[in-house]
Structure formats: C-alpha cells, structure tokens
Amino acid sequence: MIPWIISGFTVIAVYFLDRWENKHIKSLFDWFPAILFAYLIPAGITALTGQDFSQDDIHDYSKLYFIPMAIIAVMSSLSFLQLKSIGWKPIALFVAGSFWIAVFPVILALFLLESELISELFINQQYWKGVPPVVGSWIGGSTSQLVLKELVECPENIFLTVLVMDNILVNIWTILMFQGIKESDFLNRKLKITNLSMPEPIKKQEGITLNPLICLAILTASVLLTNAMFESFVLKIIFLSLIGLVFSSLIKNWNYGFVLKLGGILILVVMAILGLKLKFSLVEFEWGFLVFLIIWLLSHFIILLIVAKLLNVNTAWVPIASMANVGGIATAPAVTAAYEPKWMPHAIILAILSMATGTFWGMLTIFLLKNFLL
C-alpha cells in the first residue's frame, strides 16, 4: 500500500506544481521538467525512509496496465486529417531527422568500434542500453523513453544518467533553436532555397467530441483485451499502437484533447512508480557518454539542413522539426512562434507525430545495436 501512496502523492504534487502560476515554480519547470521530478521524488522518499520497493507488485501493474494505457492514449491522439495540412516536405524533413536519430548511434559505434568508449563504456559497462531510451526521448518523448527502457532492460543507474544528460542537452538545444529559427531567412538565401510558401491552415475538429468517460472505457477495454491476447510486451505495444491509430482515424468525434492529457498523466504515474526502484548510490556521470550525445545531436541538425536543401523547403522547418523530435509538444510551438506564430499548430501536430512514432524508431535502434554492435 505504501508504494501506491508514494506514487499517488508524487503524481498529484508534480501535476499541480507544473500548473502553478508562481513565477519561481514556472522558471524551475522550464529547466527541470515535471517528468524528472516525478522520478526523483519517490527515490528521495525511499532513500530518506530506508525502504526498498524495487520488487513491489506495483511495478508489475505498471508494466501490465499503466504503460500500455499511456501508449494507446498517445497513439490515439494523432489526427491524420490534421497531419495532411502540414504538407509532405516538412513531414519528410521531420522523418529524416527521426531516422538519423535512430541510426546514427550505431553508425558512430561501428566507426569507433575499437575505441575505449565503445569497448569499455558501451559494451562492458552496458551503456548501449541507455541509447534506446535516448532515441525514445528525442523522438517520442517520455512515453517512448519508458517503453524502450523496459524493452532493453536499461539499468536504473544508466537510466538516471540518461535522464540528467538529456535534460541538460534539451534545455541548451531549445535555446539554440530559438536563436537559430530567427536566422532562417539568412539560411534560405545562403542555401538558395526558393520554396517559402505557407502550409495550409490546420483543420480544427468540428462537432461535439466524444465523452471522456466513453474514451476512457474504450481505451481500458483495449488494454485488458490486449493483455488477454498477448504475453509478449513488445507485441502488446505494437498492437495497442495500431489500435490507437484506428481509434483516432475511424471513431467519429474522437476526443483528441482528452486522450493526449490522459497520456501525459499516465506518463507521470509510470515515472513515479519507476522512481521507487532508483537508488542514488548508483548514480554516476560519464563524460564520454555526454560527448557522444552532443555529437549525435549536432549531426542530427546538420542532416536536417542537408535534407532541407535537397527538398528546397524553408529552413525554418529545420528547428521546428528538430524541436518536434527533441523538444516535444511544449517547446516545438514555442520555438515556432519566434518565426511565424501561424505555424504553431503545425509544430504541435509534428510533436504528436513524434510521440506516436518514437517507440518504433527505438525498436529499430535496438535491433541494429544487437545485430551490428554486440
């Protein structure tokens, strides 16, 4: 019962703190996202009380119900009708960025195969297991990050290292993209890009949306049915992802706003439960891994610029696509507003696309690492 109380307290506290209008609290959450506090608070409570809940049944419930529920909620929040309004070139640019995030760590690891970074840190110390959660975080956000952590069985000490480094880099990257998008006109001239047309306005959902309780019942029934059908966690995630897309595409007046908020809350729940496993004594900071992440992120931006040139698409889409991948649903529209506020809805849709696809890109990374590196 105690683990449930700790997790419940954490989710409620973080949820309301994140929405508190106090300028000091908001400034704190600008730099340290709610998801990080949801992970650290339970760990802090267990450390102070000297209790160990790493083997409690709550973790089984999380893997059986909360993670699958988060997946189907996020996947069902993607509207293909809205996605169509963006146009194929910005989407192709976005996909190119996602692809590079998924494959670059394997390319670099093979290039540096004989180095100490790969042989010792990645293989012997198993830091390769921290790579898929990074892919999940940068493409899909917290939901994909958590799913991929489970799939690759990433140790808690490595996962916390990933969380901390990821948080530092994303904050710095957001600042750089804020400044970078303001230089889009200059880059367009330098790269001789001529297609500067505006995308179509995003079509808004019309009519009365489905009652949230009905949506919740549909999603819950889907998770229960999936658990009865499959034992494999991977098959459950794939099946629920596809079902989520079916719901968002075929159910009239599907409540996209509700399921997206539900997914966000469920991510906090999963993270709080995961925090019960964390032991601060295991935390370490690897500079080699940080340098690896920096090279990875910079190469992602360079690839986006090259693809933008090849597609002759406005380079403003480069930071937008990058933030939709790396930043997420909050930062992508904020960066976009620094260039063209009318494009903010398009950035949100790209960020939702990122959330919906991150797990699959991470699965590709796992496959490549296991087959070409280990």
Protein backbone atom coordinates (compact mmCIF):
# COMPACT_ATOMS: atom_id res chain seq x y z
CA MET A 1 0.00 0.00 0.00
CA ILE A 2 2.85 2.39 0.83
CA PRO A 3 4.30 2.36 -2.74
CA TRP A 4 0.86 3.31 -4.10
CA ILE A 5 0.59 6.19 -1.62
CA ILE A 6 4.08 7.49 -2.50
CA SER A 7 3.38 7.25 -6.24
CA GLY A 8 -0.06 8.87 -5.89
CA PHE A 9 1.34 11.72 -3.79
CA THR A 10 4.12 12.29 -6.33
CA VAL A 11 1.79 12.43 -9.33
CA ILE A 12 -0.64 14.85 -7.61
CA ALA A 13 2.19 17.08 -6.33
CA VAL A 14 4.02 17.26 -9.67
CA TYR A 15 0.81 17.71 -11.67
CA PHE A 16 -0.32 20.74 -9.67
CA LEU A 17 3.17 22.23 -9.27
CA ASP A 18 3.55 22.11 -13.04
CA ARG A 19 0.35 24.16 -13.37
CA TRP A 20 1.07 26.62 -10.55
CA GLU A 21 1.40 30.17 -11.89
CA ASN A 22 4.12 31.13 -9.39
CA LYS A 23 6.96 32.61 -11.47
CA HIS A 24 9.69 30.85 -9.46
CA ILE A 25 8.00 27.44 -9.83
CA LYS A 26 7.41 28.01 -13.56
CA SER A 27 11.03 29.03 -14.01
CA LEU A 28 12.12 25.83 -12.25
CA PHE A 29 9.96 23.65 -14.51
CA ASP A 30 11.28 25.46 -17.59
CA TRP A 31 14.70 23.97 -16.83
CA PHE A 32 13.79 20.79 -14.97
CA PRO A 33 10.69 19.14 -16.47
CA ALA A 34 7.93 17.62 -14.37
CA ILE A 35 8.85 14.16 -15.57
CA LEU A 36 12.25 14.39 -13.85
CA PHE A 37 10.68 15.36 -10.51
CA ALA A 38 8.17 12.52 -10.86
CA TYR A 39 11.17 10.18 -11.00
CA LEU A 40 13.26 11.77 -8.24
CA ILE A 41 10.61 12.42 -5.53
CA PRO A 42 9.79 8.70 -4.90
CA ALA A 43 13.51 7.92 -4.95
CA GLY A 44 14.10 10.66 -2.37
CA ILE A 45 11.30 9.41 -0.11
CA THR A 46 12.54 5.81 -0.20
CA ALA A 47 16.13 6.96 0.45
CA LEU A 48 15.06 9.03 3.49
CA THR A 49 12.91 6.25 4.95
CA GLY A 50 15.40 3.50 4.16
CA GLN A 51 12.74 1.36 2.44
CA ASP A 52 13.14 -0.74 -0.70
CA PHE A 53 10.16 -1.04 -3.05
CA SER A 54 12.12 -2.18 -6.10
CA GLN A 55 10.46 -5.61 -6.04
CA ASP A 56 6.95 -4.50 -5.11
CA ASP A 57 3.92 -5.66 -7.11
CA ILE A 58 3.25 -2.08 -8.21
CA HIS A 59 5.92 -2.49 -10.91
CA ASP A 60 4.01 -5.43 -12.42
CA TYR A 61 0.85 -3.32 -12.51
CA SER A 62 2.75 -0.54 -14.23
CA LYS A 63 4.00 -2.84 -17.00
CA LEU A 64 0.63 -4.58 -17.38
CA TYR A 65 -1.69 -1.59 -17.30
CA PHE A 66 -0.19 1.89 -16.96
CA ILE A 67 2.46 1.74 -19.71
CA PRO A 68 0.10 0.09 -22.25
CA MET A 69 -2.60 2.64 -21.36
CA ALA A 70 -0.17 5.51 -21.91
CA ILE A 71 0.82 4.09 -25.30
CA ILE A 72 -2.71 3.72 -26.65
CA ALA A 73 -3.71 7.14 -25.30
CA VAL A 74 -0.82 8.90 -27.02
CA MET A 75 -1.22 6.98 -30.28
CA SER A 76 -4.94 7.75 -30.44
CA SER A 77 -4.23 11.48 -30.11
CA LEU A 78 -2.74 11.66 -33.63
CA SER A 79 -5.11 13.03 -36.28
CA PHE A 80 -4.15 12.11 -39.86
CA LEU A 81 -6.51 14.79 -41.18
CA GLN A 82 -4.50 17.48 -39.38
CA LEU A 83 -1.22 15.88 -40.42
CA LYS A 84 -2.19 16.24 -44.09
CA SER A 85 -2.39 20.04 -43.74
CA ILE A 86 1.35 20.31 -42.99
CA GLY A 87 2.45 19.08 -46.41
CA TRP A 88 4.73 16.22 -47.38
CA LYS A 89 8.03 18.14 -47.46
CA PRO A 90 8.07 19.30 -43.81
CA ILE A 91 6.95 15.80 -42.80
CA ALA A 92 9.70 14.23 -44.93
CA LEU A 93 12.21 16.57 -43.26
CA PHE A 94 10.91 15.55 -39.85
CA VAL A 95 11.11 11.84 -40.72
CA ALA A 96 14.70 12.28 -41.96
CA GLY A 97 15.58 13.79 -38.58
CA SER A 98 13.95 10.89 -36.77
CA PHE A 99 15.70 8.33 -38.97
CA TRP A 100 19.10 9.88 -38.29
CA ILE A 101 18.48 9.90 -34.53
CA ALA A 102 17.63 6.19 -34.70
CA VAL A 103 20.60 5.04 -36.82
CA PHE A 104 23.44 7.45 -36.02
CA PRO A 105 24.49 5.85 -32.69
CA VAL A 106 25.01 2.54 -34.49
CA ILE A 107 26.99 4.21 -37.30
CA LEU A 108 29.24 6.06 -34.85
CA ALA A 109 29.66 2.98 -32.64
CA LEU A 110 30.80 0.90 -35.62
CA PHE A 111 33.21 3.65 -36.68
CA LEU A 112 34.69 3.76 -33.15
CA LEU A 113 34.37 0.02 -32.53
CA GLU A 114 37.96 -0.43 -31.30
CA SER A 115 37.88 2.66 -29.05
CA GLU A 116 37.60 2.57 -25.26
CA LEU A 117 34.29 4.44 -25.47
CA ILE A 118 32.64 1.54 -27.28
CA SER A 119 34.52 -1.49 -25.97
CA GLU A 120 34.57 -0.42 -22.32
CA LEU A 121 31.76 2.08 -21.71
CA PHE A 122 29.18 0.89 -24.23
CA ILE A 123 29.74 -2.87 -24.14
CA ASN A 124 31.40 -3.80 -20.83
CA GLN A 125 29.53 -1.21 -18.74
CA GLN A 126 26.36 -1.75 -20.83
CA TYR A 127 25.84 1.92 -21.66
CA TRP A 128 24.49 0.81 -25.02
CA LYS A 129 21.29 0.11 -23.09
CA GLY A 130 21.00 3.85 -22.44
CA VAL A 131 20.93 4.63 -26.17
CA PRO A 132 17.38 3.38 -27.00
CA PRO A 133 15.81 5.44 -24.15
CA VAL A 134 17.59 8.50 -25.60
CA VAL A 135 16.12 7.69 -29.02
CA GLY A 136 12.72 7.34 -27.36
CA SER A 137 13.10 10.63 -25.51
CA TRP A 138 14.31 12.59 -28.54
CA ILE A 139 11.71 11.24 -30.95
CA GLY A 140 8.77 10.08 -28.89
CA GLY A 141 9.14 11.83 -25.54
CA SER A 142 8.67 10.30 -22.11
CA THR A 143 6.21 7.59 -23.17
CA SER A 144 8.59 6.06 -25.73
CA GLN A 145 11.53 6.55 -23.39
CA LEU A 146 9.86 4.47 -20.67
CA VAL A 147 8.71 1.74 -23.05
CA LEU A 148 12.18 1.40 -24.57
CA LYS A 149 13.76 1.33 -21.10
CA GLU A 150 11.62 -1.73 -20.37
CA LEU A 151 12.30 -3.34 -23.76
CA VAL A 152 16.09 -3.02 -23.46
CA GLU A 153 16.11 -3.56 -19.66
CA CYS A 154 18.19 -0.44 -19.06
CA PRO A 155 19.75 -0.44 -15.53
CA GLU A 156 18.49 2.28 -13.18
CA ASN A 157 21.88 3.98 -12.77
CA ILE A 158 22.32 4.30 -16.54
CA PHE A 159 18.74 5.45 -16.99
CA LEU A 160 19.17 8.26 -14.45
CA THR A 161 22.39 9.30 -16.22
CA VAL A 162 20.42 9.43 -19.47
CA LEU A 163 17.66 11.50 -17.85
CA VAL A 164 20.04 14.07 -16.39
CA MET A 165 22.19 14.45 -19.52
CA ASP A 166 19.14 14.50 -21.78
CA ASN A 167 17.56 17.24 -19.66
CA ILE A 168 20.72 19.39 -19.80
CA LEU A 169 21.15 18.99 -23.56
CA VAL A 170 17.50 19.58 -24.44
CA ASN A 171 17.42 22.83 -22.48
CA ILE A 172 20.57 24.09 -24.21
CA TRP A 173 19.28 22.87 -27.58
CA THR A 174 15.98 24.71 -27.10
CA ILE A 175 17.84 27.99 -26.54
CA LEU A 176 19.93 27.36 -29.67
CA MET A 177 16.84 26.58 -31.75
CA PHE A 178 15.12 29.76 -30.51
CA GLN A 179 18.04 31.73 -31.90
CA GLY A 180 18.52 29.51 -34.95
CA ILE A 181 14.97 29.85 -36.27
CA LYS A 182 15.42 33.64 -36.36
CA GLU A 183 18.23 33.11 -38.89
CA SER A 184 16.01 31.12 -41.27
CA ASP A 185 15.80 33.88 -43.89
CA PHE A 186 19.61 34.17 -43.90
CA LEU A 187 19.99 30.38 -44.28
CA ASN A 188 17.40 30.31 -47.07
CA ARG A 189 19.46 32.84 -49.03
CA LYS A 190 22.75 31.03 -48.38
CA LEU A 191 21.32 27.64 -49.36
CA LYS A 192 19.41 29.20 -52.29
CA ILE A 193 16.08 27.83 -51.10
CA THR A 194 13.19 29.34 -53.04
CA ASN A 195 10.10 27.48 -51.79
CA LEU A 196 8.96 29.70 -48.90
CA SER A 197 5.21 29.06 -49.20
CA MET A 198 2.95 28.85 -46.16
CA PRO A 199 1.41 25.49 -45.23
CA GLU A 200 -2.35 25.03 -45.21
CA PRO A 201 -4.16 26.08 -42.00
CA ILE A 202 -4.68 23.15 -39.62
CA LYS A 203 -8.26 21.92 -39.82
CA LYS A 204 -9.92 22.09 -36.41
CA GLN A 205 -12.11 19.32 -35.06
CA GLU A 206 -15.79 20.07 -35.63
CA GLY A 207 -18.86 18.97 -33.70
CA ILE A 208 -19.24 17.64 -30.17
CA THR A 209 -16.34 15.43 -29.07
CA LEU A 210 -16.86 12.02 -27.53
CA ASN A 211 -17.48 11.94 -23.77
CA PRO A 212 -14.14 11.47 -21.92
CA LEU A 213 -15.61 8.58 -19.88
CA ILE A 214 -16.51 6.74 -23.08
CA CYS A 215 -12.99 7.27 -24.44
CA LEU A 216 -11.54 6.04 -21.15
CA ALA A 217 -13.74 2.94 -21.21
CA ILE A 218 -12.71 2.16 -24.81
CA LEU A 219 -9.00 2.51 -24.01
CA THR A 220 -9.27 0.45 -20.80
CA ALA A 221 -11.14 -2.35 -22.57
CA SER A 222 -8.48 -2.35 -25.29
CA VAL A 223 -5.66 -2.74 -22.74
CA LEU A 224 -7.46 -5.57 -20.92
CA LEU A 225 -8.18 -7.37 -24.21
CA THR A 226 -4.56 -6.96 -25.32
CA ASN A 227 -3.24 -8.39 -22.04
CA ALA A 228 -5.51 -11.40 -22.55
CA MET A 229 -4.36 -11.89 -26.15
CA PHE A 230 -0.57 -11.45 -25.81
CA GLU A 231 2.13 -12.33 -23.31
CA SER A 232 4.96 -10.53 -25.10
CA PHE A 233 5.38 -6.91 -24.00
CA VAL A 234 6.65 -5.96 -27.48
CA LEU A 235 3.57 -7.43 -29.18
CA LYS A 236 1.30 -5.60 -26.74
CA ILE A 237 2.94 -2.26 -27.53
CA ILE A 238 2.75 -2.80 -31.30
CA PHE A 239 -0.88 -3.94 -31.17
CA LEU A 240 -2.01 -1.08 -28.91
CA SER A 241 -0.18 1.44 -31.09
CA LEU A 242 -2.06 0.23 -34.16
CA ILE A 243 -5.39 0.14 -32.29
CA GLY A 244 -4.80 3.70 -31.09
CA LEU A 245 -4.32 4.87 -34.68
CA VAL A 246 -7.51 3.05 -35.71
CA PHE A 247 -9.49 4.82 -32.99
CA SER A 248 -8.15 8.25 -33.94
CA SER A 249 -8.88 7.65 -37.62
CA LEU A 250 -12.24 5.85 -37.57
CA ILE A 251 -14.15 6.90 -34.45
CA LYS A 252 -16.19 9.99 -35.24
CA ASN A 253 -15.53 12.96 -32.93
CA TRP A 254 -12.79 11.11 -31.04
CA ASN A 255 -11.70 13.28 -28.11
CA TYR A 256 -8.08 14.03 -29.10
CA GLY A 257 -7.57 16.60 -26.35
CA PHE A 258 -8.66 14.27 -23.57
CA VAL A 259 -6.57 11.28 -24.63
CA LEU A 260 -3.48 13.49 -25.00
CA LYS A 261 -3.94 14.83 -21.45
CA LEU A 262 -4.61 11.30 -20.20
CA GLY A 263 -1.36 10.14 -21.78
CA GLY A 264 0.52 12.93 -20.02
CA ILE A 265 -0.87 11.97 -16.62
CA LEU A 266 -0.15 8.28 -17.19
CA ILE A 267 3.46 9.13 -18.03
CA LEU A 268 3.78 10.82 -14.63
CA VAL A 269 2.27 7.71 -12.98
CA VAL A 270 4.71 5.37 -14.72
CA MET A 271 7.67 7.61 -13.92
CA ALA A 272 6.70 7.87 -10.24
CA ILE A 273 6.48 4.08 -9.97
CA LEU A 274 9.81 3.74 -11.73
CA GLY A 275 11.34 6.15 -9.23
CA LEU A 276 10.68 3.61 -6.48
CA LYS A 277 13.47 1.48 -7.98
CA LEU A 278 16.09 4.22 -8.07
CA LYS A 279 18.96 4.18 -5.58
CA PHE A 280 21.00 7.40 -5.53
CA SER A 281 24.12 5.48 -4.57
CA LEU A 282 24.16 4.00 -8.09
CA VAL A 283 24.19 7.38 -9.85
CA GLU A 284 27.24 8.18 -11.98
CA PHE A 285 28.19 10.75 -14.61
CA GLU A 286 30.05 9.64 -17.72
CA TRP A 287 31.68 12.44 -19.72
CA GLY A 288 32.36 10.11 -22.64
CA PHE A 289 28.67 9.39 -22.96
CA LEU A 290 27.85 13.12 -22.80
CA VAL A 291 30.28 13.88 -25.66
CA PHE A 292 28.67 11.05 -27.63
CA LEU A 293 25.23 12.64 -27.11
CA ILE A 294 26.48 16.08 -28.18
CA ILE A 295 27.97 14.73 -31.44
CA TRP A 296 24.77 12.81 -32.06
CA LEU A 297 22.58 15.90 -31.59
CA LEU A 298 24.74 18.19 -33.73
CA SER A 299 24.83 15.65 -36.57
CA HIS A 300 21.00 15.50 -36.42
CA PHE A 301 20.82 19.25 -37.13
CA ILE A 302 23.35 19.04 -39.98
CA ILE A 303 21.36 16.24 -41.63
CA LEU A 304 18.17 18.32 -41.37
CA LEU A 305 19.87 21.24 -43.12
CA ILE A 306 21.09 18.96 -45.93
CA VAL A 307 17.61 17.47 -46.40
CA ALA A 308 16.04 20.95 -46.35
CA LYS A 309 18.38 21.96 -49.18
CA LEU A 310 17.59 18.81 -51.17
CA LEU A 311 13.84 19.29 -50.75
CA ASN A 312 14.03 23.06 -51.30
CA VAL A 313 11.97 23.64 -48.16
CA ASN A 314 12.12 26.68 -45.87
CA THR A 315 14.93 26.18 -43.31
CA ALA A 316 12.54 27.43 -40.60
CA TRP A 317 11.22 23.86 -40.68
CA VAL A 318 14.65 22.61 -39.54
CA PRO A 319 14.44 23.92 -35.95
CA ILE A 320 10.70 23.17 -35.91
CA ALA A 321 11.30 19.55 -36.95
CA SER A 322 14.23 19.28 -34.55
CA MET A 323 12.21 20.58 -31.61
CA ALA A 324 9.22 18.40 -32.54
CA ASN A 325 11.68 15.50 -32.23
CA VAL A 326 13.97 16.55 -29.40
CA GLY A 327 11.85 19.10 -27.54
CA GLY A 328 8.26 17.97 -27.70
CA ILE A 329 4.75 19.32 -27.60
CA ALA A 330 5.56 22.28 -25.35
CA THR A 331 8.80 23.61 -26.82
CA ALA A 332 8.15 22.97 -30.53
CA PRO A 333 5.34 25.56 -30.87
CA ALA A 334 7.22 28.00 -28.60
CA VAL A 335 10.26 27.93 -30.90
CA THR A 336 7.97 28.15 -33.96
CA ALA A 337 6.34 31.32 -32.60
CA ALA A 338 9.72 33.06 -32.78
CA TYR A 339 9.49 32.80 -36.60
CA GLU A 340 5.82 32.51 -37.58
CA PRO A 341 3.04 32.22 -34.93
CA LYS A 342 0.61 30.91 -37.59
CA TRP A 343 2.74 27.76 -37.83
CA MET A 344 2.37 26.88 -34.12
CA PRO A 345 -0.49 24.37 -34.69
CA HIS A 346 1.66 22.62 -37.32
CA ALA A 347 4.50 22.29 -34.81
CA ILE A 348 2.11 20.73 -32.29
CA ILE A 349 0.92 18.15 -34.83
CA LEU A 350 4.54 17.29 -35.70
CA ALA A 351 5.27 16.86 -31.99
CA ILE A 352 2.31 14.49 -31.65
CA LEU A 353 3.60 12.57 -34.69
CA SER A 354 6.91 12.33 -32.86
CA MET A 355 5.18 10.93 -29.76
CA ALA A 356 3.39 8.37 -31.89
CA THR A 357 6.47 7.07 -33.71
CA GLY A 358 9.26 7.23 -31.14
CA THR A 359 8.83 3.70 -29.81
CA PHE A 360 9.18 2.18 -33.28
CA TRP A 361 12.32 4.15 -34.08
CA GLY A 362 13.76 2.98 -30.76
CA MET A 363 12.95 -0.63 -31.67
CA LEU A 364 14.93 -0.13 -34.88
CA THR A 365 17.88 1.16 -32.82
CA ILE A 366 17.72 -1.86 -30.51
CA PHE A 367 17.66 -4.21 -33.50
CA LEU A 368 20.68 -2.51 -35.10
CA LEU A 369 22.68 -2.40 -31.86
CA LYS A 370 22.08 -6.08 -31.09
CA ASN A 371 22.88 -7.22 -34.63
CA PHE A 372 25.84 -4.99 -35.51
CA LEU A 373 27.47 -3.93 -32.25
CA LEU A 374 27.13 -6.70 -29.66
